[in-house]
Amino acid sequence: MPPISAVTVGGPAPEPGTPWALRRARPEDLGPIAEAELALFPGEAWSPAQLAEEIAHPSRDYVVAAEGEDAAGPLLGYAGIMVAGDVADLHTIGTLRPGVGIGRALLRWCEEVAVVRRAERMLLEVREDNDRARTFYTRAGYVEIGRRPGYYRLPDRTVDALVMERRLRA
């Protein structure tokens, strides 16, 4: 695995002829990530202050997918984890161009970083009504291990969170 600060060239181009890559999130990514949060998670998006704290926190690892071989172009996606002891928590993952491998690359980066940081398993919460995300995580090897009733508080209702886990080491 390359060092976790390295740029990793991504897979299929989001647009024909447009390369993309992953790199560690930087403070200047805050604006584009906050905009993406609002677009992807209306009613439950993290505030810019929360995102800034997450990106700067020493026990968090955030990655962005962006256009260009150096990942210097427009934001295509982002993800972040927290590692505590032998457990990693996937805090967030979002892609602005689903279906081209960005989400898989972001999740794989998070898992690799978690292993480097000595995590043995990754946990995440996913909305019960988000069939696409549930399928994505199941295909990636995650299994449901619990439920958090009313975890997501939307303006008009609450939605349960399904807690999922994947072993990262045998």
Protein backbone atom coordinates (compact mmCIF):
# COMPACT_ATOMS: atom_id res chain seq x y z
CA MET A 1 0.00 0.00 0.00
CA PRO A 2 1.28 3.51 -0.76
CA PRO A 3 1.79 5.92 2.15
CA ILE A 4 -1.55 7.28 3.30
CA SER A 5 -0.57 10.78 2.20
CA ALA A 6 0.08 9.69 -1.39
CA VAL A 7 -2.16 10.47 -4.36
CA THR A 8 -3.67 7.31 -5.78
CA VAL A 9 -4.90 7.41 -9.36
CA GLY A 10 -8.49 6.30 -9.59
CA GLY A 11 -10.26 3.88 -11.85
CA PRO A 12 -12.79 4.59 -14.59
CA ALA A 13 -13.06 8.22 -15.59
CA PRO A 14 -16.21 10.05 -14.44
CA GLU A 15 -16.35 11.64 -17.88
CA PRO A 16 -14.64 10.20 -20.98
CA GLY A 17 -10.97 11.19 -20.94
CA THR A 18 -11.14 12.77 -17.47
CA PRO A 19 -8.79 11.08 -15.00
CA TRP A 20 -9.42 11.29 -11.28
CA ALA A 21 -7.43 10.47 -8.19
CA LEU A 22 -7.62 10.19 -4.42
CA ARG A 23 -5.64 12.28 -1.97
CA ARG A 24 -5.74 13.17 1.69
CA ALA A 25 -8.24 15.96 2.43
CA ARG A 26 -6.82 19.41 3.12
CA PRO A 27 -8.32 22.49 4.81
CA GLU A 28 -9.05 24.07 1.41
CA ASP A 29 -11.36 21.13 0.63
CA LEU A 30 -13.77 22.23 3.34
CA GLY A 31 -15.95 24.40 1.06
CA PRO A 32 -16.44 21.79 -1.67
CA ILE A 33 -17.03 19.03 0.91
CA ALA A 34 -19.61 21.18 2.74
CA GLU A 35 -21.42 21.87 -0.56
CA ALA A 36 -21.39 18.16 -1.40
CA GLU A 37 -22.77 17.35 2.08
CA LEU A 38 -25.73 19.63 1.47
CA ALA A 39 -26.37 18.11 -1.95
CA LEU A 40 -25.98 14.50 -0.84
CA PHE A 41 -27.49 14.60 2.64
CA PRO A 42 -30.15 17.33 2.74
CA GLY A 43 -31.63 17.73 6.20
CA GLU A 44 -28.77 15.84 7.86
CA ALA A 45 -25.61 17.43 6.42
CA TRP A 46 -22.73 18.19 8.74
CA SER A 47 -22.05 21.88 9.20
CA PRO A 48 -18.83 23.46 7.84
CA ALA A 49 -17.62 23.82 11.46
CA GLN A 50 -18.19 20.11 12.15
CA LEU A 51 -16.43 19.16 8.91
CA ALA A 52 -13.47 21.46 9.66
CA GLU A 53 -13.08 19.87 13.09
CA GLU A 54 -13.24 16.38 11.59
CA ILE A 55 -10.66 17.07 8.87
CA ALA A 56 -8.24 18.66 11.35
CA HIS A 57 -8.66 16.07 14.13
CA PRO A 58 -5.56 13.90 14.70
CA SER A 59 -7.53 10.65 15.08
CA ARG A 60 -9.49 11.17 11.84
CA ASP A 61 -8.42 10.40 8.28
CA TYR A 62 -10.24 12.10 5.42
CA VAL A 63 -9.78 11.52 1.71
CA VAL A 64 -11.14 13.26 -1.37
CA ALA A 65 -11.62 12.08 -4.92
CA ALA A 66 -11.07 14.87 -7.41
CA GLU A 67 -10.61 15.27 -11.13
CA GLY A 68 -7.08 15.19 -12.50
CA GLU A 69 -4.19 12.80 -12.08
CA ASP A 70 -3.01 15.00 -9.20
CA ALA A 71 -6.53 15.24 -7.73
CA ALA A 72 -6.35 19.03 -8.04
CA GLY A 73 -9.60 19.45 -9.97
CA PRO A 74 -13.23 19.60 -8.88
CA LEU A 75 -14.38 17.40 -6.01
CA LEU A 76 -16.00 14.10 -7.00
CA GLY A 77 -16.34 12.50 -3.58
CA TYR A 78 -15.00 12.27 -0.04
CA ALA A 79 -14.85 9.93 2.92
CA GLY A 80 -13.63 9.97 6.49
CA ILE A 81 -12.87 7.54 9.27
CA MET A 82 -11.96 7.57 12.93
CA VAL A 83 -9.72 4.86 14.38
CA ALA A 84 -9.81 4.11 18.10
CA GLY A 85 -7.89 1.07 19.22
CA ASP A 86 -8.72 -1.89 17.02
CA VAL A 87 -11.96 -0.40 15.65
CA ALA A 88 -12.40 2.04 12.77
CA ASP A 89 -15.65 3.95 12.25
CA LEU A 90 -16.61 5.12 8.79
CA HIS A 91 -17.93 8.60 9.59
CA THR A 92 -18.97 9.62 6.11
CA ILE A 93 -18.69 8.71 2.46
CA GLY A 94 -20.25 10.47 -0.49
CA THR A 95 -19.81 10.60 -4.22
CA LEU A 96 -21.13 13.18 -6.63
CA ARG A 97 -20.82 10.80 -9.60
CA PRO A 98 -22.17 7.41 -8.56
CA GLY A 99 -21.61 4.30 -10.63
CA VAL A 100 -18.04 4.92 -11.83
CA GLY A 101 -16.03 3.38 -8.98
CA ILE A 102 -15.38 6.47 -6.85
CA GLY A 103 -17.28 5.15 -3.84
CA ARG A 104 -15.48 1.80 -4.03
CA ALA A 105 -12.11 3.57 -4.22
CA LEU A 106 -12.96 5.82 -1.26
CA LEU A 107 -14.08 2.87 0.86
CA ARG A 108 -10.99 0.84 -0.07
CA TRP A 109 -8.74 3.81 0.90
CA CYS A 110 -10.48 4.07 4.27
CA GLU A 111 -10.10 0.35 4.89
CA GLU A 112 -6.40 0.42 3.95
CA VAL A 113 -5.74 3.36 6.26
CA ALA A 114 -7.64 1.61 9.05
CA VAL A 115 -5.41 -1.46 8.64
CA VAL A 116 -2.26 0.70 8.68
CA ARG A 117 -3.57 2.22 11.92
CA ARG A 118 -4.02 -1.35 13.28
CA ALA A 119 -7.82 -1.55 13.17
CA GLU A 120 -9.19 -5.05 13.01
CA ARG A 121 -12.71 -4.11 11.94
CA MET A 122 -14.66 -1.24 10.42
CA LEU A 123 -18.09 -0.16 11.66
CA LEU A 124 -20.60 2.11 9.94
CA GLU A 125 -24.19 3.25 10.18
CA VAL A 126 -26.42 3.39 7.13
CA ARG A 127 -29.98 4.62 6.82
CA GLU A 128 -32.42 1.75 6.76
CA ASP A 129 -34.22 3.30 3.78
CA ASN A 130 -31.03 3.76 1.70
CA ASP A 131 -31.17 0.62 -0.42
CA ARG A 132 -28.36 1.70 -2.73
CA ALA A 133 -25.92 2.25 0.16
CA ARG A 134 -26.98 -0.96 1.90
CA THR A 135 -26.33 -2.93 -1.29
CA PHE A 136 -22.98 -1.15 -1.77
CA TYR A 137 -21.78 -2.06 1.74
CA THR A 138 -23.09 -5.63 1.53
CA ARG A 139 -21.21 -6.16 -1.73
CA ALA A 140 -18.09 -4.80 -0.02
CA GLY A 141 -18.37 -7.49 2.66
CA TYR A 142 -20.19 -5.62 5.44
CA VAL A 143 -22.82 -7.42 7.50
CA GLU A 144 -25.57 -6.00 9.66
CA ILE A 145 -24.86 -6.39 13.37
CA GLY A 146 -27.39 -4.05 14.95
CA ARG A 147 -29.92 -1.25 14.68
CA ARG A 148 -30.17 2.22 16.19
CA PRO A 149 -33.84 3.24 16.29
CA GLY A 150 -34.52 6.84 15.24
CA TYR A 151 -30.80 7.56 14.70
CA TYR A 152 -31.35 9.82 11.68
CA ARG A 153 -33.54 12.78 12.56
CA LEU A 154 -34.94 14.33 9.40
CA PRO A 155 -37.20 17.37 9.36
CA ASP A 156 -40.32 15.24 8.81
CA ARG A 157 -39.43 11.86 10.38
CA THR A 158 -36.80 9.67 11.97
CA VAL A 159 -35.13 6.73 10.27
CA ASP A 160 -33.36 3.82 11.91
CA ALA A 161 -29.65 3.27 11.35
CA LEU A 162 -28.41 -0.18 10.53
CA VAL A 163 -25.02 -0.85 12.11
CA MET A 164 -22.76 -2.81 9.77
CA GLU A 165 -19.31 -4.30 10.28
CA ARG A 166 -16.51 -5.80 8.24
CA ARG A 167 -13.49 -7.62 9.62
CA LEU A 168 -10.34 -6.07 8.17
CA ARG A 169 -7.93 -8.70 9.48
CA ALA A 170 -8.31 -12.41 9.97
